Amino acid sequence: MFRLLAPWGALALALAAAQPAGADVLQMPQEPPAGPESEPTVVTVEMPARGMTMDKVEELFGAPIEKVPPVGEPPISRWIYKDFVVYFEHKWVIDSVVTRAPVTP
């Protein structure tokens, strides 16, 4: 039986070796040159904390620019503000993420 499978194994190995390798390429913007004029700017953004309710978020941060309806189970919704996005599971905050402006080369 081994003699019957050996040619097929060799063929499979040869075909696998002949396939071209594939990869994704991620191009990152280059860092600006170091120097006193190019020091990074630190910006602090206040955002809702995990566990806050939707009512409390709206009370503290105002109405969002957009309320994206819930998707999936458990229902995950998001509210989009100018500087951040808030993610909710049911009516509770599960995460807040700062949005950033696109990098221009």
N, C-alpha and C. Protein backbone atom coordinates (compact mmCIF):
# COMPACT_ATOMS: atom_id res chain seq x y z
N MET A 1 0.83 -1.20 0.00
CA MET A 1 0.00 0.00 0.00
C MET A 1 0.87 1.26 0.00
N PHE A 2 2.01 1.21 0.73
CA PHE A 2 2.90 2.36 0.77
C PHE A 2 3.42 2.71 -0.62
N ARG A 3 3.66 1.68 -1.42
CA ARG A 3 4.17 1.92 -2.77
C ARG A 3 3.15 2.63 -3.64
N LEU A 4 1.85 2.44 -3.37
CA LEU A 4 0.81 3.11 -4.14
C LEU A 4 0.69 4.59 -3.76
N LEU A 5 0.93 4.90 -2.49
CA LEU A 5 0.78 6.27 -2.03
C LEU A 5 2.02 7.12 -2.25
N ALA A 6 3.18 6.49 -2.33
CA ALA A 6 4.44 7.23 -2.47
C ALA A 6 4.45 8.15 -3.69
N PRO A 7 4.04 7.71 -4.89
CA PRO A 7 4.06 8.63 -6.03
C PRO A 7 3.11 9.83 -5.83
N TRP A 8 1.98 9.59 -5.21
CA TRP A 8 1.04 10.70 -5.00
C TRP A 8 1.59 11.69 -3.98
N GLY A 9 2.24 11.19 -2.95
CA GLY A 9 2.86 12.08 -1.96
C GLY A 9 3.93 12.94 -2.58
N ALA A 10 4.77 12.34 -3.43
CA ALA A 10 5.82 13.09 -4.12
C ALA A 10 5.23 14.14 -5.04
N LEU A 11 4.15 13.78 -5.73
CA LEU A 11 3.49 14.73 -6.63
C LEU A 11 2.90 15.90 -5.84
N ALA A 12 2.25 15.60 -4.72
CA ALA A 12 1.67 16.66 -3.88
C ALA A 12 2.76 17.58 -3.35
N LEU A 13 3.87 17.03 -2.92
CA LEU A 13 4.98 17.83 -2.42
C LEU A 13 5.55 18.71 -3.52
N ALA A 14 5.69 18.19 -4.72
CA ALA A 14 6.23 18.96 -5.83
C ALA A 14 5.29 20.11 -6.21
N LEU A 15 3.99 19.85 -6.21
CA LEU A 15 3.02 20.90 -6.54
C LEU A 15 3.00 21.98 -5.47
N ALA A 16 3.07 21.59 -4.20
CA ALA A 16 3.07 22.57 -3.12
C ALA A 16 4.30 23.46 -3.19
N ALA A 17 5.44 22.88 -3.51
CA ALA A 17 6.68 23.65 -3.61
C ALA A 17 6.67 24.58 -4.81
N ALA A 18 5.90 24.26 -5.84
CA ALA A 18 5.88 25.07 -7.06
C ALA A 18 4.97 26.29 -6.94
N GLN A 19 4.12 26.35 -5.92
CA GLN A 19 3.19 27.47 -5.77
C GLN A 19 3.95 28.72 -5.33
N PRO A 20 3.64 29.87 -5.91
CA PRO A 20 4.32 31.09 -5.49
C PRO A 20 3.87 31.49 -4.09
N ALA A 21 4.76 32.05 -3.33
CA ALA A 21 4.42 32.53 -1.98
C ALA A 21 3.66 33.84 -2.11
N GLY A 22 2.70 34.06 -1.26
CA GLY A 22 1.93 35.30 -1.29
C GLY A 22 2.01 36.00 0.05
N ALA A 23 1.91 37.33 0.04
CA ALA A 23 1.94 38.10 1.28
C ALA A 23 1.28 39.45 1.03
N ASP A 24 0.76 40.03 2.09
CA ASP A 24 0.22 41.38 2.02
C ASP A 24 1.33 42.35 2.36
N VAL A 25 1.31 43.52 1.75
CA VAL A 25 2.29 44.55 2.04
C VAL A 25 1.56 45.73 2.65
N LEU A 26 2.00 46.14 3.82
CA LEU A 26 1.42 47.29 4.51
C LEU A 26 2.43 48.42 4.46
N GLN A 27 2.06 49.50 3.80
CA GLN A 27 2.96 50.64 3.70
C GLN A 27 2.58 51.66 4.76
N MET A 28 3.53 52.02 5.59
CA MET A 28 3.30 52.99 6.65
C MET A 28 3.90 54.33 6.23
N PRO A 29 3.25 55.43 6.63
CA PRO A 29 3.83 56.73 6.30
C PRO A 29 5.16 56.89 7.03
N GLN A 30 6.10 57.60 6.39
CA GLN A 30 7.39 57.81 7.01
C GLN A 30 7.27 58.80 8.16
N GLU A 31 8.09 58.58 9.17
CA GLU A 31 8.12 59.50 10.31
C GLU A 31 8.79 60.80 9.87
N PRO A 32 8.32 61.94 10.39
CA PRO A 32 9.00 63.19 10.07
C PRO A 32 10.40 63.19 10.69
N PRO A 33 11.32 63.98 10.15
CA PRO A 33 12.66 64.02 10.71
C PRO A 33 12.64 64.50 12.15
N ALA A 34 13.53 63.95 12.96
CA ALA A 34 13.61 64.35 14.37
C ALA A 34 14.23 65.73 14.48
N GLY A 35 13.78 66.44 15.45
CA GLY A 35 14.31 67.78 15.69
C GLY A 35 13.35 68.55 16.58
N PRO A 36 13.79 69.68 17.11
CA PRO A 36 12.94 70.44 18.04
C PRO A 36 11.66 70.96 17.39
N GLU A 37 11.72 71.23 16.07
CA GLU A 37 10.52 71.75 15.40
C GLU A 37 9.50 70.66 15.10
N SER A 38 9.88 69.39 15.24
CA SER A 38 8.96 68.31 14.90
C SER A 38 8.54 67.50 16.13
N GLU A 39 8.56 68.09 17.30
CA GLU A 39 8.14 67.39 18.51
C GLU A 39 6.65 67.03 18.41
N PRO A 40 6.27 65.82 18.84
CA PRO A 40 4.86 65.43 18.76
C PRO A 40 4.00 66.26 19.71
N THR A 41 2.76 66.45 19.32
CA THR A 41 1.81 67.17 20.14
C THR A 41 0.96 66.17 20.90
N VAL A 42 0.85 66.37 22.19
CA VAL A 42 0.03 65.49 23.02
C VAL A 42 -1.32 66.16 23.23
N VAL A 43 -2.37 65.43 22.91
CA VAL A 43 -3.72 65.95 23.06
C VAL A 43 -4.49 65.01 23.99
N THR A 44 -5.17 65.56 24.95
CA THR A 44 -5.97 64.76 25.86
C THR A 44 -7.43 64.87 25.45
N VAL A 45 -8.08 63.72 25.31
CA VAL A 45 -9.49 63.68 24.93
C VAL A 45 -10.26 62.97 26.03
N GLU A 46 -11.22 63.64 26.61
CA GLU A 46 -12.06 62.99 27.61
C GLU A 46 -13.10 62.15 26.88
N MET A 47 -13.24 60.91 27.35
CA MET A 47 -14.17 59.98 26.71
C MET A 47 -14.95 59.23 27.79
N PRO A 48 -16.08 58.64 27.40
CA PRO A 48 -16.85 57.85 28.34
C PRO A 48 -16.07 56.63 28.83
N ALA A 49 -16.29 56.27 30.09
CA ALA A 49 -15.61 55.12 30.68
C ALA A 49 -16.46 53.86 30.50
N ARG A 50 -15.79 52.72 30.51
CA ARG A 50 -16.47 51.42 30.42
C ARG A 50 -17.48 51.32 31.56
N GLY A 51 -18.68 50.85 31.22
CA GLY A 51 -19.71 50.66 32.22
C GLY A 51 -20.73 51.79 32.31
N MET A 52 -20.44 52.94 31.70
CA MET A 52 -21.42 54.04 31.70
C MET A 52 -22.63 53.64 30.88
N THR A 53 -23.77 54.20 31.21
CA THR A 53 -24.98 53.95 30.43
C THR A 53 -25.08 54.95 29.29
N MET A 54 -25.92 54.63 28.33
CA MET A 54 -26.16 55.55 27.20
C MET A 54 -26.67 56.90 27.71
N ASP A 55 -27.57 56.86 28.69
CA ASP A 55 -28.12 58.11 29.23
C ASP A 55 -27.03 58.97 29.85
N LYS A 56 -26.12 58.34 30.60
CA LYS A 56 -25.04 59.08 31.25
C LYS A 56 -24.08 59.66 30.21
N VAL A 57 -23.79 58.90 29.16
CA VAL A 57 -22.90 59.39 28.09
C VAL A 57 -23.52 60.62 27.44
N GLU A 58 -24.80 60.53 27.13
CA GLU A 58 -25.46 61.68 26.48
C GLU A 58 -25.54 62.87 27.43
N GLU A 59 -25.73 62.61 28.70
CA GLU A 59 -25.77 63.69 29.70
C GLU A 59 -24.42 64.40 29.80
N LEU A 60 -23.33 63.64 29.81
CA LEU A 60 -21.99 64.22 29.99
C LEU A 60 -21.37 64.77 28.71
N PHE A 61 -21.63 64.12 27.57
CA PHE A 61 -20.95 64.49 26.33
C PHE A 61 -21.87 65.07 25.27
N GLY A 62 -23.17 65.12 25.54
CA GLY A 62 -24.11 65.66 24.58
C GLY A 62 -24.52 64.62 23.54
N ALA A 63 -25.35 65.07 22.62
CA ALA A 63 -25.83 64.17 21.56
C ALA A 63 -24.70 63.87 20.58
N PRO A 64 -24.58 62.63 20.13
CA PRO A 64 -23.54 62.29 19.16
C PRO A 64 -23.87 62.85 17.78
N ILE A 65 -22.88 62.87 16.92
CA ILE A 65 -23.07 63.27 15.53
C ILE A 65 -23.95 62.24 14.83
N GLU A 66 -23.69 60.95 15.15
CA GLU A 66 -24.46 59.87 14.53
C GLU A 66 -24.61 58.72 15.52
N LYS A 67 -25.80 58.12 15.53
CA LYS A 67 -26.05 56.91 16.31
C LYS A 67 -26.22 55.76 15.33
N VAL A 68 -25.24 54.85 15.32
CA VAL A 68 -25.29 53.70 14.42
C VAL A 68 -26.09 52.60 15.11
N PRO A 69 -27.14 52.07 14.46
CA PRO A 69 -28.01 51.09 15.10
C PRO A 69 -27.26 49.80 15.49
N PRO A 70 -27.80 49.07 16.48
CA PRO A 70 -27.14 47.84 16.93
C PRO A 70 -27.09 46.76 15.87
N VAL A 71 -26.02 45.95 15.96
CA VAL A 71 -25.80 44.84 15.03
C VAL A 71 -25.39 43.62 15.84
N GLY A 72 -25.89 42.44 15.46
CA GLY A 72 -25.43 41.20 16.05
C GLY A 72 -26.10 40.83 17.35
N GLU A 73 -25.56 39.79 17.97
CA GLU A 73 -26.08 39.30 19.25
C GLU A 73 -24.88 38.93 20.11
N PRO A 74 -24.59 39.60 21.17
CA PRO A 74 -25.36 40.68 21.76
C PRO A 74 -25.31 41.92 20.86
N PRO A 75 -26.33 42.76 20.97
CA PRO A 75 -26.37 43.94 20.09
C PRO A 75 -25.26 44.93 20.43
N ILE A 76 -24.44 45.24 19.43
CA ILE A 76 -23.37 46.22 19.58
C ILE A 76 -23.72 47.43 18.72
N SER A 77 -23.79 48.59 19.37
CA SER A 77 -24.07 49.83 18.64
C SER A 77 -22.93 50.79 18.90
N ARG A 78 -22.89 51.85 18.11
CA ARG A 78 -21.85 52.85 18.33
C ARG A 78 -22.40 54.24 18.12
N TRP A 79 -21.85 55.14 18.88
CA TRP A 79 -22.17 56.55 18.75
C TRP A 79 -20.90 57.25 18.29
N ILE A 80 -21.04 58.08 17.28
CA ILE A 80 -19.89 58.78 16.71
C ILE A 80 -19.91 60.24 17.17
N TYR A 81 -18.84 60.63 17.83
CA TYR A 81 -18.63 62.01 18.25
C TYR A 81 -17.49 62.60 17.41
N LYS A 82 -17.23 63.88 17.55
CA LYS A 82 -16.21 64.55 16.75
C LYS A 82 -14.83 63.93 16.94
N ASP A 83 -14.43 63.66 18.19
CA ASP A 83 -13.07 63.18 18.46
C ASP A 83 -12.98 61.72 18.87
N PHE A 84 -14.11 61.05 19.04
CA PHE A 84 -14.07 59.66 19.49
C PHE A 84 -15.34 58.92 19.10
N VAL A 85 -15.28 57.59 19.20
CA VAL A 85 -16.43 56.72 18.94
C VAL A 85 -16.65 55.89 20.20
N VAL A 86 -17.91 55.75 20.60
CA VAL A 86 -18.26 54.98 21.78
C VAL A 86 -19.00 53.72 21.32
N TYR A 87 -18.56 52.56 21.82
CA TYR A 87 -19.20 51.29 21.49
C TYR A 87 -20.01 50.80 22.69
N PHE A 88 -21.23 50.37 22.42
CA PHE A 88 -22.14 49.91 23.47
C PHE A 88 -22.53 48.46 23.24
N GLU A 89 -22.70 47.73 24.33
CA GLU A 89 -23.35 46.42 24.31
C GLU A 89 -24.62 46.63 25.11
N HIS A 90 -25.77 46.44 24.46
CA HIS A 90 -27.07 46.83 25.01
C HIS A 90 -26.99 48.32 25.31
N LYS A 91 -27.09 48.74 26.58
CA LYS A 91 -27.05 50.17 26.90
C LYS A 91 -25.77 50.57 27.63
N TRP A 92 -24.78 49.66 27.70
CA TRP A 92 -23.56 49.89 28.47
C TRP A 92 -22.35 50.13 27.57
N VAL A 93 -21.50 51.09 27.96
CA VAL A 93 -20.26 51.35 27.23
C VAL A 93 -19.32 50.16 27.41
N ILE A 94 -18.80 49.65 26.29
CA ILE A 94 -17.78 48.60 26.36
C ILE A 94 -16.42 49.13 25.92
N ASP A 95 -16.40 50.24 25.16
CA ASP A 95 -15.12 50.81 24.75
C ASP A 95 -15.35 52.19 24.15
N SER A 96 -14.33 53.04 24.27
CA SER A 96 -14.30 54.35 23.62
C SER A 96 -12.96 54.46 22.90
N VAL A 97 -13.01 54.91 21.65
CA VAL A 97 -11.80 54.95 20.82
C VAL A 97 -11.65 56.34 20.23
N VAL A 98 -10.45 56.89 20.37
CA VAL A 98 -10.15 58.21 19.79
C VAL A 98 -10.00 58.04 18.29
N THR A 99 -10.62 58.94 17.54
CA THR A 99 -10.43 58.95 16.08
C THR A 99 -9.33 59.95 15.78
N ARG A 100 -8.61 59.67 14.72
CA ARG A 100 -7.54 60.61 14.36
C ARG A 100 -7.69 61.03 12.92
N ALA A 101 -7.18 62.19 12.64
CA ALA A 101 -7.24 62.72 11.28
C ALA A 101 -6.30 61.92 10.39
N PRO A 102 -6.64 61.78 9.11
CA PRO A 102 -5.75 61.06 8.20
C PRO A 102 -4.39 61.72 8.13
N VAL A 103 -3.35 60.91 8.00
CA VAL A 103 -1.98 61.43 7.88
C VAL A 103 -1.76 61.87 6.44
N THR A 104 -1.26 63.10 6.27
CA THR A 104 -0.97 63.60 4.93
C THR A 104 0.54 63.54 4.70
N PRO A 105 0.97 62.98 3.58
CA PRO A 105 2.42 62.87 3.32
C PRO A 105 3.07 64.20 3.03
